[in-house]
PDB file of N, CA and C in Angstrom:
ATOM      1  N   SER A   1     103.468  81.695 103.370  1.00  0.00           N
ATOM      2  CA  SER A   1     103.438  80.302 102.918  1.00  0.00           C
ATOM      3  C   SER A   1     104.293  80.092 101.667  1.00  0.00           C
ATOM      4  N   VAL A   2     104.712  81.172 100.997  1.00  0.00           N
ATOM      5  CA  VAL A   2     105.513  81.015  99.781  1.00  0.00           C
ATOM      6  C   VAL A   2     107.007  81.159 100.051  1.00  0.00           C
ATOM      7  N   GLY A   3     107.383  81.385 101.310  1.00  0.00           N
ATOM      8  CA  GLY A   3     108.792  81.454 101.666  1.00  0.00           C
ATOM      9  C   GLY A   3     109.396  82.836 101.750  1.00  0.00           C
ATOM     10  N   ALA A   4     108.545  83.865 101.738  1.00  0.00           N
ATOM     11  CA  ALA A   4     109.059  85.235 101.865  1.00  0.00           C
ATOM     12  C   ALA A   4     109.695  85.404 103.240  1.00  0.00           C
ATOM     13  N   GLN A   5     110.759  86.212 103.272  1.00  0.00           N
ATOM     14  CA  GLN A   5     111.540  86.322 104.500  1.00  0.00           C
ATOM     15  C   GLN A   5     111.762  87.773 104.897  1.00  0.00           C
ATOM     16  N   GLY A   6     111.805  88.009 106.199  1.00  0.00           N
ATOM     17  CA  GLY A   6     112.230  89.285 106.750  1.00  0.00           C
ATOM     18  C   GLY A   6     111.191  90.378 106.722  1.00  0.00           C
ATOM     19  N   VAL A   7     111.642  91.541 107.146  1.00  0.00           N
ATOM     20  CA  VAL A   7     110.796  92.727 107.250  1.00  0.00           C
ATOM     21  C   VAL A   7     110.117  93.043 105.923  1.00  0.00           C
ATOM     22  N   MET A   8     110.844  92.935 104.836  1.00  0.00           N
ATOM     23  CA  MET A   8     110.312  93.284 103.519  1.00  0.00           C
ATOM     24  C   MET A   8     109.618  92.111 102.830  1.00  0.00           C
ATOM     25  N   GLN A   9     109.634  90.937 103.479  1.00  0.00           N
ATOM     26  CA  GLN A   9     109.007  89.747 102.918  1.00  0.00           C
ATOM     27  C   GLN A   9     109.501  89.470 101.496  1.00  0.00           C
ATOM     28  N   VAL A  10     110.811  89.309 101.370  1.00  0.00           N
ATOM     29  CA  VAL A  10     111.459  89.069 100.082  1.00  0.00           C
ATOM     30  C   VAL A  10     111.574  87.567  99.848  1.00  0.00           C
ATOM     31  N   LEU A  11     111.185  87.134  98.660  1.00  0.00           N
ATOM     32  CA  LEU A  11     111.348  85.734  98.282  1.00  0.00           C
ATOM     33  C   LEU A  11     112.821  85.449  97.982  1.00  0.00           C
ATOM     34  N   PRO A  12     113.277  84.228  98.252  1.00  0.00           N
ATOM     35  CA  PRO A  12     114.673  83.899  97.946  1.00  0.00           C
ATOM     36  C   PRO A  12     115.053  84.149  96.478  1.00  0.00           C
ATOM     37  N   ALA A  13     114.164  83.844  95.548  1.00  0.00           N
ATOM     38  CA  ALA A  13     114.464  84.079  94.134  1.00  0.00           C
ATOM     39  C   ALA A  13     114.583  85.571  93.837  1.00  0.00           C
ATOM     40  N   THR A  14     113.773  86.381  94.496  1.00  0.00           N
ATOM     41  CA  THR A  14     113.858  87.833  94.314  1.00  0.00           C
ATOM     42  C   THR A  14     115.169  88.346  94.880  1.00  0.00           C
ATOM     43  N   TRP A  15     115.566  87.822  96.036  1.00  0.00           N
ATOM     44  CA  TRP A  15     116.839  88.220  96.653  1.00  0.00           C
ATOM     45  C   TRP A  15     117.986  87.933  95.678  1.00  0.00           C
ATOM     46  N   ALA A  16     117.994  86.752  95.104  1.00  0.00           N
ATOM     47  CA  ALA A  16     119.054  86.379  94.161  1.00  0.00           C
ATOM     48  C   ALA A  16     119.034  87.285  92.934  1.00  0.00           C
ATOM     49  N   TYR A  17     117.855  87.607  92.422  1.00  0.00           N
ATOM     50  CA  TYR A  17     117.730  88.496  91.269  1.00  0.00           C
ATOM     51  C   TYR A  17     118.285  89.878  91.591  1.00  0.00           C
ATOM     52  N   VAL A  18     117.924  90.411  92.748  1.00  0.00           N
ATOM     53  CA  VAL A  18     118.400  91.739  93.136  1.00  0.00           C
ATOM     54  C   VAL A  18     119.911  91.741  93.273  1.00  0.00           C
ATOM     55  N   GLU A  19     120.452  90.735  93.953  1.00  0.00           N
ATOM     56  CA  GLU A  19     121.912  90.666  94.112  1.00  0.00           C
ATOM     57  C   GLU A  19     122.617  90.558  92.761  1.00  0.00           C
ATOM     58  N   GLY A  20     122.137  89.666  91.913  1.00  0.00           N
ATOM     59  CA  GLY A  20     122.822  89.383  90.663  1.00  0.00           C
ATOM     60  C   GLY A  20     122.583  90.379  89.551  1.00  0.00           C
ATOM     61  N   SER A  21     121.374  90.905  89.473  1.00  0.00           N
ATOM     62  CA  SER A  21     121.021  91.744  88.325  1.00  0.00           C
ATOM     63  C   SER A  21     120.855  93.228  88.633  1.00  0.00           C
ATOM     64  N   LEU A  22     120.449  93.549  89.841  1.00  0.00           N
ATOM     65  CA  LEU A  22     120.155  94.952  90.127  1.00  0.00           C
ATOM     66  C   LEU A  22     121.292  95.676  90.833  1.00  0.00           C
ATOM     67  N   ILE A  23     121.878  95.038  91.857  1.00  0.00           N
ATOM     68  CA  ILE A  23     122.928  95.744  92.595  1.00  0.00           C
ATOM     69  C   ILE A  23     124.307  95.139  92.391  1.00  0.00           C
ATOM     70  N   GLY A  24     124.371  93.927  91.869  1.00  0.00           N
ATOM     71  CA  GLY A  24     125.642  93.359  91.444  1.00  0.00           C
ATOM     72  C   GLY A  24     126.579  92.871  92.531  1.00  0.00           C
ATOM     73  N   HIS A  25     126.070  92.671  93.731  1.00  0.00           N
ATOM     74  CA  HIS A  25     126.918  92.112  94.784  1.00  0.00           C
ATOM     75  C   HIS A  25     126.045  91.415  95.824  1.00  0.00           C
ATOM     76  N   ALA A  26     126.688  90.532  96.586  1.00  0.00           N
ATOM     77  CA  ALA A  26     125.974  89.816  97.639  1.00  0.00           C
ATOM     78  C   ALA A  26     125.584  90.788  98.755  1.00  0.00           C
ATOM     79  N   VAL A  27     124.472  90.500  99.372  1.00  0.00           N
ATOM     80  CA  VAL A  27     123.968  91.319 100.466  1.00  0.00           C
ATOM     81  C   VAL A  27     123.824  90.422 101.692  1.00  0.00           C
ATOM     82  N   GLN A  28     124.264  90.944 102.833  1.00  0.00           N
ATOM     83  CA  GLN A  28     124.177  90.202 104.084  1.00  0.00           C
ATOM     84  C   GLN A  28     122.739  89.773 104.361  1.00  0.00           C
ATOM     85  N   HIS A  29     122.549  88.533 104.767  1.00  0.00           N
ATOM     86  CA  HIS A  29     121.210  88.013 105.074  1.00  0.00           C
ATOM     87  C   HIS A  29     120.842  88.332 106.513  1.00  0.00           C
ATOM     88  N   ASP A  30     120.556  89.603 106.749  1.00  0.00           N
ATOM     89  CA  ASP A  30     120.098  90.072 108.050  1.00  0.00           C
ATOM     90  C   ASP A  30     119.018  91.121 107.799  1.00  0.00           C
ATOM     91  N   ALA A  31     118.510  91.751 108.858  1.00  0.00           N
ATOM     92  CA  ALA A  31     117.421  92.713 108.702  1.00  0.00           C
ATOM     93  C   ALA A  31     117.812  93.881 107.802  1.00  0.00           C
ATOM     94  N   ASP A  32     119.037  94.414 107.987  1.00  0.00           N
ATOM     95  CA  ASP A  32     119.478  95.527 107.139  1.00  0.00           C
ATOM     96  C   ASP A  32     119.569  95.112 105.679  1.00  0.00           C
ATOM     97  N   GLY A  33     120.107  93.932 105.433  1.00  0.00           N
ATOM     98  CA  GLY A  33     120.207  93.430 104.070  1.00  0.00           C
ATOM     99  C   GLY A  33     118.844  93.196 103.450  1.00  0.00           C
ATOM    100  N   ASN A  34     117.897  92.711 104.256  1.00  0.00           N
ATOM    101  CA  ASN A  34     116.547  92.476 103.774  1.00  0.00           C
ATOM    102  C   ASN A  34     115.910  93.787 103.315  1.00  0.00           C
ATOM    103  N   VAL A  35     116.093  94.839 104.088  1.00  0.00           N
ATOM    104  CA  VAL A  35     115.551  96.147 103.714  1.00  0.00           C
ATOM    105  C   VAL A  35     116.265  96.678 102.473  1.00  0.00           C
ATOM    106  N   GLU A  36     117.589  96.522 102.403  1.00  0.00           N
ATOM    107  CA  GLU A  36     118.345  96.977 101.225  1.00  0.00           C
ATOM    108  C   GLU A  36     117.841  96.295  99.958  1.00  0.00           C
ATOM    109  N   VAL A  37     117.660  94.985 100.021  1.00  0.00           N
ATOM    110  CA  VAL A  37     117.178  94.236  98.860  1.00  0.00           C
ATOM    111  C   VAL A  37     115.746  94.649  98.517  1.00  0.00           C
ATOM    112  N   GLY A  38     114.904  94.787  99.529  1.00  0.00           N
ATOM    113  CA  GLY A  38     113.520  95.179  99.285  1.00  0.00           C
ATOM    114  C   GLY A  38     113.407  96.544  98.630  1.00  0.00           C
ATOM    115  N   ILE A  39     114.187  97.486  99.113  1.00  0.00           N
ATOM    116  CA  ILE A  39     114.155  98.839  98.538  1.00  0.00           C
ATOM    117  C   ILE A  39     114.683  98.828  97.106  1.00  0.00           C
ATOM    118  N   ALA A  40     115.746  98.088  96.861  1.00  0.00           N
ATOM    119  CA  ALA A  40     116.301  98.008  95.500  1.00  0.00           C
ATOM    120  C   ALA A  40     115.272  97.407  94.540  1.00  0.00           C
ATOM    121  N   TYR A  41     114.565  96.379  94.988  1.00  0.00           N
ATOM    122  CA  TYR A  41     113.577  95.742  94.129  1.00  0.00           C
ATOM    123  C   TYR A  41     112.380  96.665  93.898  1.00  0.00           C
ATOM    124  N   LEU A  42     111.923  97.341  94.941  1.00  0.00           N
ATOM    125  CA  LEU A  42     110.818  98.275  94.775  1.00  0.00           C
ATOM    126  C   LEU A  42     111.199  99.423  93.842  1.00  0.00           C
ATOM    127  N   HIS A  43     112.430  99.903  93.955  1.00  0.00           N
ATOM    128  CA  HIS A  43     112.924 100.943  93.047  1.00  0.00           C
ATOM    129  C   HIS A  43     112.892 100.434  91.605  1.00  0.00           C
ATOM    130  N   HIS A  44     113.324  99.207  91.406  1.00  0.00           N
ATOM    131  CA  HIS A  44     113.283  98.595  90.072  1.00  0.00           C
ATOM    132  C   HIS A  44     111.846  98.536  89.551  1.00  0.00           C
ATOM    133  N   LEU A  45     110.925  98.075  90.390  1.00  0.00           N
ATOM    134  CA  LEU A  45     109.531  97.953  89.957  1.00  0.00           C
ATOM    135  C   LEU A  45     108.922  99.311  89.627  1.00  0.00           C
ATOM    136  N   LEU A  46     109.226 100.318  90.419  1.00  0.00           N
ATOM    137  CA  LEU A  46     108.724 101.658  90.110  1.00  0.00           C
ATOM    138  C   LEU A  46     109.238 102.124  88.747  1.00  0.00           C
ATOM    139  N   GLY A  47     110.487 101.839  88.445  1.00  0.00           N
ATOM    140  CA  GLY A  47     111.030 102.178  87.126  1.00  0.00           C
ATOM    141  C   GLY A  47     110.386 101.378  86.016  1.00  0.00           C
ATOM    142  N   ALA A  48     110.188 100.090  86.254  1.00  0.00           N
ATOM    143  CA  ALA A  48     109.603  99.206  85.244  1.00  0.00           C
ATOM    144  C   ALA A  48     108.170  99.605  84.902  1.00  0.00           C
ATOM    145  N   PHE A  49     107.480 100.209  85.864  1.00  0.00           N
ATOM    146  CA  PHE A  49     106.089 100.605  85.644  1.00  0.00           C
ATOM    147  C   PHE A  49     105.922 102.118  85.559  1.00  0.00           C
ATOM    148  N   GLY A  50     106.985 102.793  85.170  1.00  0.00           N
ATOM    149  CA  GLY A  50     106.909 104.229  84.918  1.00  0.00           C
ATOM    150  C   GLY A  50     106.468 105.052  86.116  1.00  0.00           C
ATOM    151  N   GLY A  51     106.819 104.601  87.316  1.00  0.00           N
ATOM    152  CA  GLY A  51     106.454 105.331  88.523  1.00  0.00           C
ATOM    153  C   GLY A  51     105.060 105.036  89.047  1.00  0.00           C
ATOM    154  N   ASN A  52     104.326 104.170  88.380  1.00  0.00           N
ATOM    155  CA  ASN A  52     102.966 103.834  88.814  1.00  0.00           C
ATOM    156  C   ASN A  52     103.046 102.958  90.066  1.00  0.00           C
ATOM    157  N   GLU A  53     102.697 103.538  91.194  1.00  0.00           N
ATOM    158  CA  GLU A  53     102.812 102.833  92.473  1.00  0.00           C
ATOM    159  C   GLU A  53     101.897 101.616  92.544  1.00  0.00           C
ATOM    160  N   ARG A  54     100.704 101.713  92.007  1.00  0.00           N
ATOM    161  CA  ARG A  54      99.766 100.580  92.032  1.00  0.00           C
ATOM    162  C   ARG A  54     100.346  99.387  91.285  1.00  0.00           C
ATOM    163  N   LEU A  55     100.872  99.632  90.093  1.00  0.00           N
ATOM    164  CA  LEU A  55     101.432  98.527  89.319  1.00  0.00           C
ATOM    165  C   LEU A  55     102.714  97.988  89.951  1.00  0.00           C
ATOM    166  N   ALA A  56     103.542  98.885  90.506  1.00  0.00           N
ATOM    167  CA  ALA A  56     104.769  98.438  91.168  1.00  0.00           C
ATOM    168  C   ALA A  56     104.441  97.547  92.362  1.00  0.00           C
ATOM    169  N   LEU A  57     103.479  97.947  93.171  1.00  0.00           N
ATOM    170  CA  LEU A  57     103.081  97.115  94.307  1.00  0.00           C
ATOM    171  C   LEU A  57     102.463  95.799  93.830  1.00  0.00           C
ATOM    172  N   GLY A  58     101.696  95.873  92.765  1.00  0.00           N
ATOM    173  CA  GLY A  58     101.150  94.644  92.186  1.00  0.00           C
ATOM    174  C   GLY A  58     102.254  93.732  91.692  1.00  0.00           C
ATOM    175  N   GLY A  59     103.294  94.320  91.106  1.00  0.00           N
ATOM    176  CA  GLY A  59     104.436  93.530  90.663  1.00  0.00           C
ATOM    177  C   GLY A  59     105.151  92.874  91.823  1.00  0.00           C
ATOM    178  N   TRP A  60     105.210  93.566  92.936  1.00  0.00           N
ATOM    179  CA  TRP A  60     105.802  92.997  94.153  1.00  0.00           C
ATOM    180  C   TRP A  60     105.006  91.766  94.582  1.00  0.00           C
ATOM    181  N   TYR A  61     103.690  91.868  94.525  1.00  0.00           N
ATOM    182  CA  TYR A  61     102.818  90.815  95.054  1.00  0.00           C
ATOM    183  C   TYR A  61     102.642  89.637  94.090  1.00  0.00           C
ATOM    184  N   GLN A  62     102.411  89.930  92.818  1.00  0.00           N
ATOM    185  CA  GLN A  62     102.103  88.844  91.886  1.00  0.00           C
ATOM    186  C   GLN A  62     103.210  88.571  90.887  1.00  0.00           C
ATOM    187  N   GLY A  63     104.195  89.442  90.824  1.00  0.00           N
ATOM    188  CA  GLY A  63     105.299  89.266  89.891  1.00  0.00           C
ATOM    189  C   GLY A  63     105.221  90.269  88.758  1.00  0.00           C
ATOM    190  N   GLU A  64     106.373  90.813  88.431  1.00  0.00           N
ATOM    191  CA  GLU A  64     106.453  91.841  87.393  1.00  0.00           C
ATOM    192  C   GLU A  64     105.922  91.337  86.053  1.00  0.00           C
ATOM    193  N   ARG A  65     106.355  90.155  85.640  1.00  0.00           N
ATOM    194  CA  ARG A  65     105.929  89.619  84.346  1.00  0.00           C
ATOM    195  C   ARG A  65     104.424  89.407  84.285  1.00  0.00           C
ATOM    196  N   ALA A  66     103.859  88.911  85.385  1.00  0.00           N
ATOM    197  CA  ALA A  66     102.417  88.651  85.403  1.00  0.00           C
ATOM    198  C   ALA A  66     101.622  89.946  85.282  1.00  0.00           C
ATOM    199  N   VAL A  67     102.079  90.998  85.931  1.00  0.00           N
ATOM    200  CA  VAL A  67     101.388  92.291  85.818  1.00  0.00           C
ATOM    201  C   VAL A  67     101.494  92.810  84.395  1.00  0.00           C
ATOM    202  N   LYS A  68     102.665  92.701  83.799  1.00  0.00           N
ATOM    203  CA  LYS A  68     102.842  93.181  82.431  1.00  0.00           C
ATOM    204  C   LYS A  68     102.000  92.383  81.446  1.00  0.00           C
ATOM    205  N   ALA A  69     101.839  91.091  81.704  1.00  0.00           N
ATOM    206  CA  ALA A  69     101.093  90.239  80.783  1.00  0.00           C
ATOM    207  C   ALA A  69      99.583  90.326  80.969  1.00  0.00           C
ATOM    208  N   ALA A  70      99.133  90.436  82.228  1.00  0.00           N
ATOM    209  CA  ALA A  70      97.698  90.297  82.482  1.00  0.00           C
ATOM    210  C   ALA A  70      97.090  91.418  83.306  1.00  0.00           C
ATOM    211  N   GLY A  71      97.895  92.397  83.706  1.00  0.00           N
ATOM    212  CA  GLY A  71      97.377  93.418  84.603  1.00  0.00           C
ATOM    213  C   GLY A  71      97.282  92.873  86.023  1.00  0.00           C
ATOM    214  N   LEU A  72      96.696  93.649  86.897  1.00  0.00           N
ATOM    215  CA  LEU A  72      96.586  93.238  88.293  1.00  0.00           C
ATOM    216  C   LEU A  72      95.497  92.190  88.470  1.00  0.00           C
ATOM    217  N   PHE A  73      95.849  91.114  89.165  1.00  0.00           N
ATOM    218  CA  PHE A  73      94.861  90.106  89.530  1.00  0.00           C
ATOM    219  C   PHE A  73      93.960  90.697  90.625  1.00  0.00           C
ATOM    220  N   LYS A  74      92.780  90.122  90.781  1.00  0.00           N
ATOM    221  CA  LYS A  74      91.849  90.597  91.797  1.00  0.00           C
ATOM    222  C   LYS A  74      92.496  90.592  93.182  1.00  0.00           C
ATOM    223  N   VAL A  75      93.175  89.522  93.526  1.00  0.00           N
ATOM    224  CA  VAL A  75      93.806  89.422  94.840  1.00  0.00           C
ATOM    225  C   VAL A  75      94.922  90.463  94.996  1.00  0.00           C
ATOM    226  N   SER A  76      95.593  90.787  93.906  1.00  0.00           N
ATOM    227  CA  SER A  76      96.640  91.803  93.940  1.00  0.00           C
ATOM    228  C   SER A  76      96.057  93.191  94.157  1.00  0.00           C
ATOM    229  N   LYS A  77      94.901  93.441  93.583  1.00  0.00           N
ATOM    230  CA  LYS A  77      94.240  94.732  93.784  1.00  0.00           C
ATOM    231  C   LYS A  77      93.924  94.954  95.261  1.00  0.00           C
ATOM    232  N   VAL A  78      93.542  93.891  95.954  1.00  0.00           N
ATOM    233  CA  VAL A  78      93.262  93.993  97.391  1.00  0.00           C
ATOM    234  C   VAL A  78      94.550  94.308  98.139  1.00  0.00           C
ATOM    235  N   PHE A  79      95.638  93.599  97.808  1.00  0.00           N
ATOM    236  CA  PHE A  79      96.933  93.858  98.441  1.00  0.00           C
ATOM    237  C   PHE A  79      97.362  95.307  98.226  1.00  0.00           C
ATOM    238  N   VAL A  80      97.287  95.772  97.000  1.00  0.00           N
ATOM    239  CA  VAL A  80      97.692  97.142  96.668  1.00  0.00           C
ATOM    240  C   VAL A  80      96.852  98.147  97.452  1.00  0.00           C
ATOM    241  N   ALA A  81      95.551  97.947  97.487  1.00  0.00           N
ATOM    242  CA  ALA A  81      94.671  98.864  98.220  1.00  0.00           C
ATOM    243  C   ALA A  81      95.028  98.884  99.706  1.00  0.00           C
ATOM    244  N   ASN A  82      95.338  97.726 100.266  1.00  0.00           N
ATOM    245  CA  ASN A  82      95.708  97.660 101.686  1.00  0.00           C
ATOM    246  C   ASN A  82      97.009  98.407 101.957  1.00  0.00           C
ATOM    247  N   VAL A  83      98.010  98.216 101.108  1.00  0.00           N
ATOM    248  CA  VAL A  83      99.292  98.894 101.287  1.00  0.00           C
ATOM    249  C   VAL A  83      99.103 100.405 101.188  1.00  0.00           C
ATOM    250  N   LEU A  84      98.387 100.850 100.179  1.00  0.00           N
ATOM    251  CA  LEU A  84      98.188 102.287 100.007  1.00  0.00           C
ATOM    252  C   LEU A  84      97.367 102.886 101.146  1.00  0.00           C
ATOM    253  N   ALA A  85      96.410 102.136 101.658  1.00  0.00           N
ATOM    254  CA  ALA A  85      95.622 102.614 102.798  1.00  0.00           C
ATOM    255  C   ALA A  85      96.503 102.725 104.046  1.00  0.00           C
ATOM    256  N   LEU A  86      97.383 101.775 104.245  1.00  0.00           N
ATOM    257  CA  LEU A  86      98.297 101.840 105.384  1.00  0.00           C
ATOM    258  C   LEU A  86      99.225 103.048 105.261  1.00  0.00           C
ATOM    259  N   ARG A  87      99.673 103.315 104.063  1.00  0.00           N
ATOM    260  CA  ARG A  87     100.537 104.481 103.859  1.00  0.00           C
ATOM    261  C   ARG A  87      99.806 105.768 104.235  1.00  0.00           C
ATOM    262  N   GLU A  88      98.542 105.848 103.892  1.00  0.00           N
ATOM    263  CA  GLU A  88      97.758 107.049 104.210  1.00  0.00           C
ATOM    264  C   GLU A  88      97.589 107.234 105.711  1.00  0.00           C
ATOM    265  N   ARG A  89      97.653 106.153 106.468  1.00  0.00           N
ATOM    266  CA  ARG A  89      97.492 106.222 107.920  1.00  0.00           C
ATOM    267  C   ARG A  89      98.763 106.674 108.615  1.00  0.00           C
ATOM    268  N   MET A  90      99.884 106.695 107.900  1.00  0.00           N
ATOM    269  CA  MET A  90     101.161 107.054 108.515  1.00  0.00           C
ATOM    270  C   MET A  90     101.357 108.552 108.557  1.00  0.00           C
TER     271      MET A  90
END
């Protein structure tokens, strides 16, 4: 409902941030590009949170600034737990 797109569910503003600030070039708006942008952003979040996967995933869901300012929201904790549980099933 917030406009996330593609396999990685990237928001348009996040896509623009990744292109402009993280990788420095335009990325094709297709499935491969969506994964490239998603991975670049997740890599950034892992660095921003010192490798803490819970906080990085929370930053993906609620926004990096919001996590840094207020910690994980209750709804974000559920998202993070679901993602990590899915990873364990793989």
